[in-house]
């Protein structure tokens, strides 16, 4: 800390009062530290350009710079403008140009030269959707408009159809074939149908189209667009997949739409997560589904989406796509006992005799029923996480060892004693 400067300033007001006037107060209010003030340390964001550096020191230089940066319209440009604007509009443009002095723009104007500047200065004939608002080409809607009645709607449709018929041709004495031929040549039906569907007159007293926040519909038979966005329909689907939902799955699995719809799919686990962002909470749904044909095939699918319906559909399609064969003994149970572990969840599955039934938790119960197993017992001695329990159960069913391979590995013959010696009796 330095106190010498304030001390000298205070003493100067006492000792030198008789010799000379006191110094202004602004010179005595000095800081008690040696560092500069905050205003003195602050630096501008952009480098200042002096008028001397660009040569704007004399009136002649200012006029030269203004004519170079802000030039007047040339005779050729005026001729082009007269072709696009009326006489009154041209007079308004010329009056506006004369009212603006290039000297004022040169001295007081601030032209941005950064990459984020607006790409035009005074050219308002172009519309940029990112910068400008959407122009309102129609008048405001009539507040007293009402919906047409059935009779008014029929009359409006009749008027539109009569407007399509050519007026310079007499159809009274012509045969039907000639009439149809003339109508096909003279009437552009796709264009009129598109106009009718895009701008339907459903209101009485609306006086034509008006500005609306609702985007116009595209119509069904637009020239050049018809058939481009229509999903492919296979005649073999028998009308069961007009939306094209299962077409990609058909190519991947080789199944028909009828076989896909016959597969039993079920949602077993659903999780909802909310991600907190600066724009608010964004919800996301995670779905775990299984699919089985009830005859020894089982699949599992996982999907995630913002919309729950989309996640459910994706998970079911993935489950059908991932179906794999599961070994079954006598088409009712498994071969022996199996066990699988996923995370902290352990699933133990044991084979049981006929009539035992399904004794397992509700999620494992749905898995066994989808794959076609009727006699089995399953337990989870440790964790019961829903996702891990489903995955561990599927892994356990897929990890069964084939008895034929075991017998071939030991060099022995595989024989089912129940069928050979007891005729298949189990009691």
Protein backbone atom coordinates (compact mmCIF):
# COMPACT_ATOMS: atom_id res chain seq x y z
CA UNK A 1 0.00 0.00 0.00
CA UNK A 2 1.23 3.45 -0.90
CA UNK A 3 0.19 6.48 1.19
CA UNK A 4 2.71 8.99 -0.12
CA UNK A 5 0.55 10.32 -2.94
CA UNK A 6 -2.58 11.01 -0.80
CA UNK A 7 -0.39 12.62 1.86
CA UNK A 8 1.19 14.98 -0.63
CA UNK A 9 -2.21 15.80 -1.99
CA UNK A 10 -3.63 16.65 1.44
CA UNK A 11 -0.59 18.70 2.51
CA UNK A 12 -0.63 20.62 -0.76
CA UNK A 13 -4.12 21.89 0.05
CA UNK A 14 -2.94 23.23 3.45
CA UNK A 15 0.55 24.61 2.71
CA UNK A 16 -0.06 25.99 -0.75
CA UNK A 17 -3.43 27.60 -0.05
CA UNK A 18 -1.93 31.06 0.25
CA UNK A 19 0.40 30.70 -2.72
CA UNK A 20 -2.06 29.28 -5.33
CA UNK A 21 -5.60 28.07 -5.55
CA UNK A 22 -6.42 24.61 -4.33
CA UNK A 23 -6.25 21.74 -6.76
CA UNK A 24 -9.53 20.27 -8.02
CA UNK A 25 -11.00 17.53 -5.89
CA UNK A 26 -10.80 15.07 -8.77
CA UNK A 27 -7.00 15.27 -8.68
CA UNK A 28 -6.83 14.47 -4.96
CA UNK A 29 -9.07 11.40 -4.96
CA UNK A 30 -6.25 9.01 -5.70
CA UNK A 31 -6.45 5.29 -4.86
CA UNK A 32 -4.58 3.87 -1.88
CA UNK A 33 -2.89 1.19 -4.03
CA UNK A 34 -0.46 1.31 -6.89
CA UNK A 35 -2.45 -0.85 -9.38
CA UNK A 36 -4.50 0.79 -12.13
CA UNK A 37 -8.25 1.21 -11.95
CA UNK A 38 -10.60 -1.38 -13.42
CA UNK A 39 -11.67 0.97 -16.24
CA UNK A 40 -8.06 1.47 -17.15
CA UNK A 41 -7.30 -2.28 -17.26
CA UNK A 42 -10.38 -3.22 -19.36
CA UNK A 43 -9.55 -3.88 -22.99
CA UNK A 44 -12.01 -3.58 -25.86
CA UNK A 45 -13.19 -6.80 -27.52
CA UNK A 46 -12.43 -5.48 -30.98
CA UNK A 47 -9.50 -3.46 -32.18
CA UNK A 48 -10.34 0.21 -32.75
CA UNK A 49 -9.65 1.56 -36.25
CA UNK A 50 -8.81 5.21 -36.46
CA UNK A 51 -10.06 7.41 -39.25
CA UNK A 52 -6.45 8.13 -40.26
CA UNK A 53 -5.83 4.43 -40.94
CA UNK A 54 -8.58 4.25 -43.59
CA UNK A 55 -7.92 7.73 -44.92
CA UNK A 56 -11.09 9.48 -43.66
CA UNK A 57 -9.41 12.74 -42.71
CA UNK A 58 -10.59 15.10 -45.43
CA UNK A 59 -14.05 15.72 -46.97
CA UNK A 60 -12.78 14.50 -50.32
CA UNK A 61 -11.65 11.16 -48.80
CA UNK A 62 -14.95 10.76 -46.97
CA UNK A 63 -16.92 11.36 -50.17
CA UNK A 64 -14.71 8.95 -52.11
CA UNK A 65 -15.10 6.23 -49.44
CA UNK A 66 -18.89 6.72 -49.29
CA UNK A 67 -19.29 6.48 -53.07
CA UNK A 68 -17.19 3.31 -53.10
CA UNK A 69 -18.95 1.49 -50.25
CA UNK A 70 -22.47 2.89 -50.77
CA UNK A 71 -22.73 3.48 -54.54
CA UNK A 72 -25.78 4.96 -56.22
CA UNK A 73 -27.95 3.01 -58.66
CA UNK A 74 -26.52 2.92 -62.16
CA UNK A 75 -28.75 3.59 -65.22
CA UNK A 76 -28.65 -0.13 -66.06
CA UNK A 77 -29.83 -1.07 -62.55
CA UNK A 78 -32.61 1.54 -62.75
CA UNK A 79 -33.83 0.01 -66.00
CA UNK A 80 -33.99 -3.41 -64.38
CA UNK A 81 -35.89 -1.99 -61.39
CA UNK A 82 -38.41 -0.22 -63.67
CA UNK A 83 -39.29 -3.58 -65.21
CA UNK A 84 -40.16 -5.03 -61.79
CA UNK A 85 -41.75 -2.03 -60.03
CA UNK A 86 -44.46 0.43 -60.97
CA UNK A 87 -43.94 4.16 -61.45
CA UNK A 88 -45.12 5.02 -57.95
CA UNK A 89 -42.88 2.38 -56.43
CA UNK A 90 -39.89 3.67 -58.40
CA UNK A 91 -40.61 7.20 -57.21
CA UNK A 92 -40.66 5.96 -53.62
CA UNK A 93 -37.35 4.12 -54.14
CA UNK A 94 -35.67 7.15 -55.66
CA UNK A 95 -36.96 9.40 -52.88
CA UNK A 96 -35.62 6.99 -50.26
CA UNK A 97 -32.22 6.85 -51.96
CA UNK A 98 -32.05 10.65 -52.15
CA UNK A 99 -32.95 11.02 -48.46
CA UNK A 100 -29.96 8.90 -47.36
CA UNK A 101 -26.63 10.67 -47.57
CA UNK A 102 -23.60 8.39 -48.12
CA UNK A 103 -21.58 10.80 -45.96
CA UNK A 104 -23.79 10.05 -42.95
CA UNK A 105 -23.46 6.32 -43.55
CA UNK A 106 -19.68 6.66 -43.78
CA UNK A 107 -19.30 8.66 -40.56
CA UNK A 108 -22.11 7.25 -38.41
CA UNK A 109 -22.79 3.86 -40.00
CA UNK A 110 -21.51 0.63 -38.46
CA UNK A 111 -21.03 -2.20 -40.95
CA UNK A 112 -20.49 -5.65 -39.52
CA UNK A 113 -17.76 -7.74 -41.11
CA UNK A 114 -17.92 -10.82 -38.86
CA UNK A 115 -19.08 -14.24 -40.16
CA UNK A 116 -22.48 -13.86 -38.40
CA UNK A 117 -23.51 -10.64 -40.12
CA UNK A 118 -26.74 -10.38 -42.08
CA UNK A 119 -25.95 -11.23 -45.72
CA UNK A 120 -27.61 -8.05 -47.04
CA UNK A 121 -27.81 -4.35 -46.14
CA UNK A 122 -30.80 -2.88 -47.96
CA UNK A 123 -31.93 -5.68 -50.29
CA UNK A 124 -35.33 -6.47 -48.80
CA UNK A 125 -36.61 -8.15 -51.97
CA UNK A 126 -35.29 -11.53 -50.78
CA UNK A 127 -36.74 -13.52 -47.88
CA UNK A 128 -34.50 -15.66 -45.70
CA UNK A 129 -36.56 -18.15 -43.64
CA UNK A 130 -33.98 -18.24 -40.82
CA UNK A 131 -33.91 -14.45 -40.37
CA UNK A 132 -37.19 -13.12 -41.74
CA UNK A 133 -40.71 -14.00 -40.73
CA UNK A 134 -43.01 -15.86 -43.06
CA UNK A 135 -44.92 -13.35 -45.23
CA UNK A 136 -48.68 -13.16 -44.88
CA UNK A 137 -49.97 -13.27 -48.43
CA UNK A 138 -53.65 -13.61 -47.53
CA UNK A 139 -56.03 -11.43 -45.60
CA UNK A 140 -57.04 -12.31 -42.00
CA UNK A 141 -59.79 -14.95 -41.63
CA UNK A 142 -63.39 -13.81 -41.46
CA UNK A 143 -64.55 -14.05 -37.81
CA UNK A 144 -68.16 -14.63 -38.96
CA UNK A 145 -67.36 -17.60 -41.20
CA UNK A 146 -69.18 -20.88 -40.54
CA UNK A 147 -68.93 -24.45 -41.78
CA UNK A 148 -70.85 -25.36 -44.90
CA UNK A 149 -74.00 -27.39 -44.70
CA UNK A 150 -74.39 -30.57 -46.73
CA UNK A 151 -76.34 -28.77 -49.45
CA UNK A 152 -73.75 -25.98 -49.69
CA UNK A 153 -70.90 -28.50 -49.90
CA UNK A 154 -72.63 -30.34 -52.76
CA UNK A 155 -73.26 -27.04 -54.57
CA UNK A 156 -69.60 -26.04 -54.18
CA UNK A 157 -68.42 -29.39 -55.57
CA UNK A 158 -70.84 -29.10 -58.50
CA UNK A 159 -69.53 -25.61 -59.28
CA UNK A 160 -65.94 -26.87 -59.29
CA UNK A 161 -66.78 -29.77 -61.61
CA UNK A 162 -68.68 -27.53 -64.01
CA UNK A 163 -65.68 -25.21 -64.21
CA UNK A 164 -63.60 -28.13 -65.56
CA UNK A 165 -65.85 -28.70 -68.58
CA UNK A 166 -64.70 -26.76 -71.69
CA UNK A 167 -67.17 -24.09 -72.78
CA UNK A 168 -66.24 -24.03 -76.49
CA UNK A 169 -67.31 -27.62 -77.24
CA UNK A 170 -70.89 -28.84 -77.71
CA UNK A 171 -71.35 -32.32 -76.24
CA UNK A 172 -75.04 -32.77 -77.20
CA UNK A 173 -74.62 -34.60 -80.53
CA UNK A 174 -71.27 -36.29 -79.83
CA UNK A 175 -70.96 -39.99 -78.88
CA UNK A 176 -69.79 -41.01 -75.45
CA UNK A 177 -66.36 -42.09 -76.70
CA UNK A 178 -65.69 -38.70 -78.27
CA UNK A 179 -66.81 -36.91 -75.12
CA UNK A 180 -64.45 -38.96 -72.95
CA UNK A 181 -61.59 -38.40 -75.40
CA UNK A 182 -62.09 -34.62 -75.40
CA UNK A 183 -62.31 -34.50 -71.63
CA UNK A 184 -59.11 -36.51 -71.27
CA UNK A 185 -57.29 -34.10 -73.59
CA UNK A 186 -58.69 -30.82 -72.24
CA UNK A 187 -58.99 -31.36 -68.50
CA UNK A 188 -56.01 -31.62 -66.16
CA UNK A 189 -57.62 -33.67 -63.42
CA UNK A 190 -54.52 -34.24 -61.16
CA UNK A 191 -53.85 -30.50 -60.87
CA UNK A 192 -57.45 -29.66 -60.07
CA UNK A 193 -57.73 -32.49 -57.57
CA UNK A 194 -54.57 -31.28 -55.85
CA UNK A 195 -56.00 -27.75 -55.70
CA UNK A 196 -59.28 -29.06 -54.33
CA UNK A 197 -57.56 -31.08 -51.59
CA UNK A 198 -55.00 -28.38 -50.72
CA UNK A 199 -57.43 -25.44 -50.54
CA UNK A 200 -60.88 -26.89 -49.78
CA UNK A 201 -63.70 -24.43 -49.23
CA UNK A 202 -65.20 -25.94 -46.08
CA UNK A 203 -66.38 -22.62 -44.66
CA UNK A 204 -69.20 -20.42 -45.88
CA UNK A 205 -68.37 -16.72 -46.00
CA UNK A 206 -64.61 -17.26 -45.70
CA UNK A 207 -63.94 -15.26 -48.92
CA UNK A 208 -61.04 -17.43 -50.03
CA UNK A 209 -57.91 -18.66 -48.24
CA UNK A 210 -56.53 -16.80 -45.24
CA UNK A 211 -53.46 -16.84 -43.03
CA UNK A 212 -53.44 -19.83 -40.71
CA UNK A 213 -51.00 -21.44 -38.30
CA UNK A 214 -51.91 -24.89 -39.65
CA UNK A 215 -49.66 -26.16 -42.43
CA UNK A 216 -51.55 -27.14 -45.62
CA UNK A 217 -51.98 -30.83 -46.33
CA UNK A 218 -50.16 -32.47 -49.22
CA UNK A 219 -53.06 -34.29 -50.86
CA UNK A 220 -53.09 -37.78 -52.26
CA UNK A 221 -52.70 -37.35 -56.03
CA UNK A 222 -50.15 -34.59 -56.62
CA UNK A 223 -48.51 -34.57 -60.05
CA UNK A 224 -44.90 -35.75 -59.71
CA UNK A 225 -45.34 -36.82 -56.08
CA UNK A 226 -47.95 -39.55 -56.38
CA UNK A 227 -46.52 -42.92 -55.36
CA UNK A 228 -43.14 -41.62 -54.17
CA UNK A 229 -43.86 -41.75 -50.42
CA UNK A 230 -46.23 -44.71 -50.47
CA UNK A 231 -44.87 -47.78 -48.64
CA UNK A 232 -44.53 -50.88 -50.82
CA UNK A 233 -47.45 -53.29 -50.48
CA UNK A 234 -46.95 -56.98 -51.18
CA UNK A 235 -50.06 -58.70 -52.56
CA UNK A 236 -49.07 -61.81 -50.61
CA UNK A 237 -49.70 -59.92 -47.34
CA UNK A 238 -53.47 -60.05 -47.98
CA UNK A 239 -53.87 -56.47 -46.77
CA UNK A 240 -52.41 -57.17 -43.31
CA UNK A 241 -49.48 -54.74 -43.64
CA UNK A 242 -50.61 -51.72 -45.65
CA UNK A 243 -48.37 -49.43 -43.57
CA UNK A 244 -45.20 -51.39 -44.42
CA UNK A 245 -44.24 -52.07 -40.78
CA UNK A 246 -43.15 -55.67 -41.26
CA UNK A 247 -41.57 -55.41 -44.73
CA UNK A 248 -38.00 -55.07 -43.45
CA UNK A 249 -38.56 -57.88 -40.95
CA UNK A 250 -39.85 -60.08 -43.78
CA UNK A 251 -36.61 -59.60 -45.72
CA UNK A 252 -34.47 -60.35 -42.67
CA UNK A 253 -36.27 -63.45 -41.38
CA UNK A 254 -37.96 -64.88 -44.47
CA UNK A 255 -41.29 -65.11 -42.64
CA UNK A 256 -44.60 -63.98 -44.08
CA UNK A 257 -46.73 -61.31 -42.45
CA UNK A 258 -49.23 -63.96 -41.37
CA UNK A 259 -46.45 -65.93 -39.59
CA UNK A 260 -45.14 -62.74 -37.95
CA UNK A 261 -48.57 -61.83 -36.60
CA UNK A 262 -49.02 -65.35 -35.21
CA UNK A 263 -45.87 -65.03 -33.08
CA UNK A 264 -46.59 -64.27 -29.43
CA UNK A 265 -44.70 -61.16 -28.26
CA UNK A 266 -44.88 -59.61 -24.81
CA UNK A 267 -43.39 -56.63 -22.97
CA UNK A 268 -41.65 -57.75 -19.77
CA UNK A 269 -39.64 -54.75 -18.54
CA UNK A 270 -40.31 -51.03 -18.96
CA UNK A 271 -38.03 -48.25 -17.70
CA UNK A 272 -38.63 -44.50 -17.94
CA UNK A 273 -35.71 -42.07 -17.63
CA UNK A 274 -35.94 -38.25 -17.45
CA UNK A 275 -32.85 -36.36 -18.61
CA UNK A 276 -32.74 -32.86 -17.10
CA UNK A 277 -31.44 -30.33 -19.65
CA UNK A 278 -31.52 -26.57 -19.95
CA UNK A 279 -34.62 -26.95 -22.11
CA UNK A 280 -36.42 -29.00 -19.47
CA UNK A 281 -36.90 -32.70 -18.79
CA UNK A 282 -36.56 -35.01 -21.79
CA UNK A 283 -38.30 -38.33 -21.25
CA UNK A 284 -36.92 -41.57 -22.69
CA UNK A 285 -38.45 -45.05 -22.47
CA UNK A 286 -36.54 -48.35 -22.50
CA UNK A 287 -38.43 -51.55 -23.35
CA UNK A 288 -37.43 -55.23 -23.02
CA UNK A 289 -39.64 -57.63 -24.97
CA UNK A 290 -39.69 -61.35 -25.76
CA UNK A 291 -41.16 -63.24 -28.69
CA UNK A 292 -41.86 -66.94 -29.14
CA UNK A 293 -43.82 -69.15 -31.49
CA UNK A 294 -44.79 -71.66 -28.78
CA UNK A 295 -42.89 -74.41 -30.60
CA UNK A 296 -39.30 -74.14 -29.42
CA UNK A 297 -38.21 -70.69 -30.69
CA UNK A 298 -37.51 -67.73 -28.42
CA UNK A 299 -36.09 -64.23 -28.94
CA UNK A 300 -35.38 -61.15 -26.84
CA UNK A 301 -35.32 -57.52 -27.98
CA UNK A 302 -34.35 -54.18 -26.41
CA UNK A 303 -35.30 -50.74 -27.71
CA UNK A 304 -35.25 -47.15 -26.51
CA UNK A 305 -37.11 -44.10 -27.77
CA UNK A 306 -38.66 -40.82 -26.67
CA UNK A 307 -42.11 -42.17 -27.59
CA UNK A 308 -43.25 -45.26 -25.69
CA UNK A 309 -45.25 -46.62 -28.64
CA UNK A 310 -42.18 -46.47 -30.90
CA UNK A 311 -40.01 -48.22 -28.30
CA UNK A 312 -42.61 -51.00 -27.87
CA UNK A 313 -42.85 -51.61 -31.59
CA UNK A 314 -39.07 -51.63 -32.09
CA UNK A 315 -38.53 -54.01 -29.16
CA UNK A 316 -41.12 -56.50 -30.45
CA UNK A 317 -39.69 -56.46 -33.98
CA UNK A 318 -36.16 -57.01 -32.64
CA UNK A 319 -37.38 -59.88 -30.46
CA UNK A 320 -38.94 -61.59 -33.49
CA UNK A 321 -35.78 -61.02 -35.49
CA UNK A 322 -33.54 -62.49 -32.73
CA UNK A 323 -35.55 -65.71 -32.24
CA UNK A 324 -33.38 -68.83 -31.80
CA UNK A 325 -34.24 -72.50 -31.28
CA UNK A 326 -34.50 -73.82 -27.70
CA UNK A 327 -33.99 -77.51 -26.91
CA UNK A 328 -37.00 -79.22 -25.35
CA UNK A 329 -37.39 -82.73 -24.02
CA UNK A 330 -40.63 -84.32 -25.24
CA UNK A 331 -41.72 -80.79 -26.29
CA UNK A 332 -42.66 -79.98 -22.70
CA UNK A 333 -39.53 -79.46 -20.54
CA UNK A 334 -35.74 -79.10 -20.73
CA UNK A 335 -32.85 -81.54 -20.61
CA UNK A 336 -31.72 -81.76 -16.99
CA UNK A 337 -30.89 -78.74 -14.84
CA UNK A 338 -29.30 -75.50 -16.08
CA UNK A 339 -28.10 -72.32 -14.43
CA UNK A 340 -27.04 -68.86 -15.64
CA UNK A 341 -25.80 -65.69 -13.96
CA UNK A 342 -26.14 -62.09 -15.17
CA UNK A 343 -24.86 -59.43 -12.81
CA UNK A 344 -25.95 -60.37 -9.30
CA UNK A 345 -28.95 -62.42 -10.52
CA UNK A 346 -28.77 -66.22 -10.72
CA UNK A 347 -31.51 -68.26 -12.39
CA UNK A 348 -31.70 -72.02 -11.73
CA UNK A 349 -34.01 -74.07 -13.94
CA UNK A 350 -34.87 -77.75 -13.30
CA UNK A 351 -36.78 -80.25 -15.43
CA UNK A 352 -39.98 -81.75 -13.99
CA UNK A 353 -42.28 -84.70 -14.89
CA UNK A 354 -45.49 -84.30 -16.92
CA UNK A 355 -48.30 -82.47 -15.17
CA UNK A 356 -45.98 -80.52 -12.88
CA UNK A 357 -46.77 -77.20 -14.54
CA UNK A 358 -44.87 -73.93 -14.55
CA UNK A 359 -43.61 -72.86 -11.15
CA UNK A 360 -41.60 -69.65 -11.57
CA UNK A 361 -41.89 -65.90 -11.18
CA UNK A 362 -44.22 -63.99 -13.48
CA UNK A 363 -41.52 -62.91 -15.97
CA UNK A 364 -39.97 -66.39 -16.22
CA UNK A 365 -43.49 -67.82 -16.50
CA UNK A 366 -44.11 -65.72 -19.65
CA UNK A 367 -40.77 -66.83 -21.13
CA UNK A 368 -41.53 -70.54 -20.62
CA UNK A 369 -45.02 -70.19 -22.02
CA UNK A 370 -43.77 -68.34 -25.13
CA UNK A 371 -41.19 -71.01 -25.94
CA UNK A 372 -43.65 -73.90 -25.40
CA UNK A 373 -42.42 -75.38 -22.08
CA UNK A 374 -45.15 -76.76 -19.78
CA UNK A 375 -43.34 -78.62 -16.96
CA UNK A 376 -40.47 -76.81 -15.26
CA UNK A 377 -39.36 -75.24 -11.98
CA UNK A 378 -37.22 -72.10 -11.68
CA UNK A 379 -35.89 -70.11 -8.77
CA UNK A 380 -33.64 -67.11 -8.18
CA UNK A 381 -31.65 -67.51 -4.94
CA UNK A 382 -29.97 -64.10 -5.15
CA UNK A 383 -30.90 -60.81 -6.83
CA UNK A 384 -34.21 -60.36 -8.64
CA UNK A 385 -33.40 -57.53 -10.99
CA UNK A 386 -36.09 -57.59 -13.73
CA UNK A 387 -33.74 -57.04 -16.67
CA UNK A 388 -31.05 -59.42 -15.40
CA UNK A 389 -33.58 -62.13 -14.52
CA UNK A 390 -34.99 -62.15 -18.06
CA UNK A 391 -31.55 -62.22 -19.69
CA UNK A 392 -30.29 -64.92 -17.32
CA UNK A 393 -33.32 -67.11 -18.01
CA UNK A 394 -32.82 -66.84 -21.77
CA UNK A 395 -29.11 -67.62 -21.41
CA UNK A 396 -29.91 -70.65 -19.27
CA UNK A 397 -32.34 -72.04 -21.85
CA UNK A 398 -29.82 -71.51 -24.65
CA UNK A 399 -26.96 -73.12 -22.66
CA UNK A 400 -28.52 -76.62 -22.52
CA UNK A 401 -26.14 -79.37 -23.54
CA UNK A 402 -27.26 -81.70 -26.29
CA UNK A 403 -27.40 -85.34 -25.04
CA UNK A 404 -26.48 -86.64 -28.50
CA UNK A 405 -23.26 -84.60 -28.43
CA UNK A 406 -22.43 -85.84 -24.92
CA UNK A 407 -22.93 -89.46 -25.96
CA UNK A 408 -20.83 -88.99 -29.09
CA UNK A 409 -18.08 -87.38 -27.03
CA UNK A 410 -17.93 -90.38 -24.67
CA UNK A 411 -18.20 -92.93 -27.50
CA UNK A 412 -21.49 -94.33 -26.25
CA UNK A 413 -24.98 -94.75 -27.59
CA UNK A 414 -27.77 -92.49 -26.38
CA UNK A 415 -30.95 -94.38 -25.39
CA UNK A 416 -34.04 -93.05 -23.63
CA UNK A 417 -34.80 -95.70 -20.99
CA UNK A 418 -38.30 -94.40 -20.48
CA UNK A 419 -39.24 -95.05 -24.09
CA UNK A 420 -37.29 -98.33 -24.55
CA UNK A 421 -38.12 -100.20 -21.34
CA UNK A 422 -41.30 -98.51 -20.07
CA UNK A 423 -43.00 -97.50 -23.33
CA UNK A 424 -42.95 -93.85 -22.43
CA UNK A 425 -44.78 -94.32 -19.10
CA UNK A 426 -43.53 -92.06 -16.36
CA UNK A 427 -45.61 -93.25 -13.39
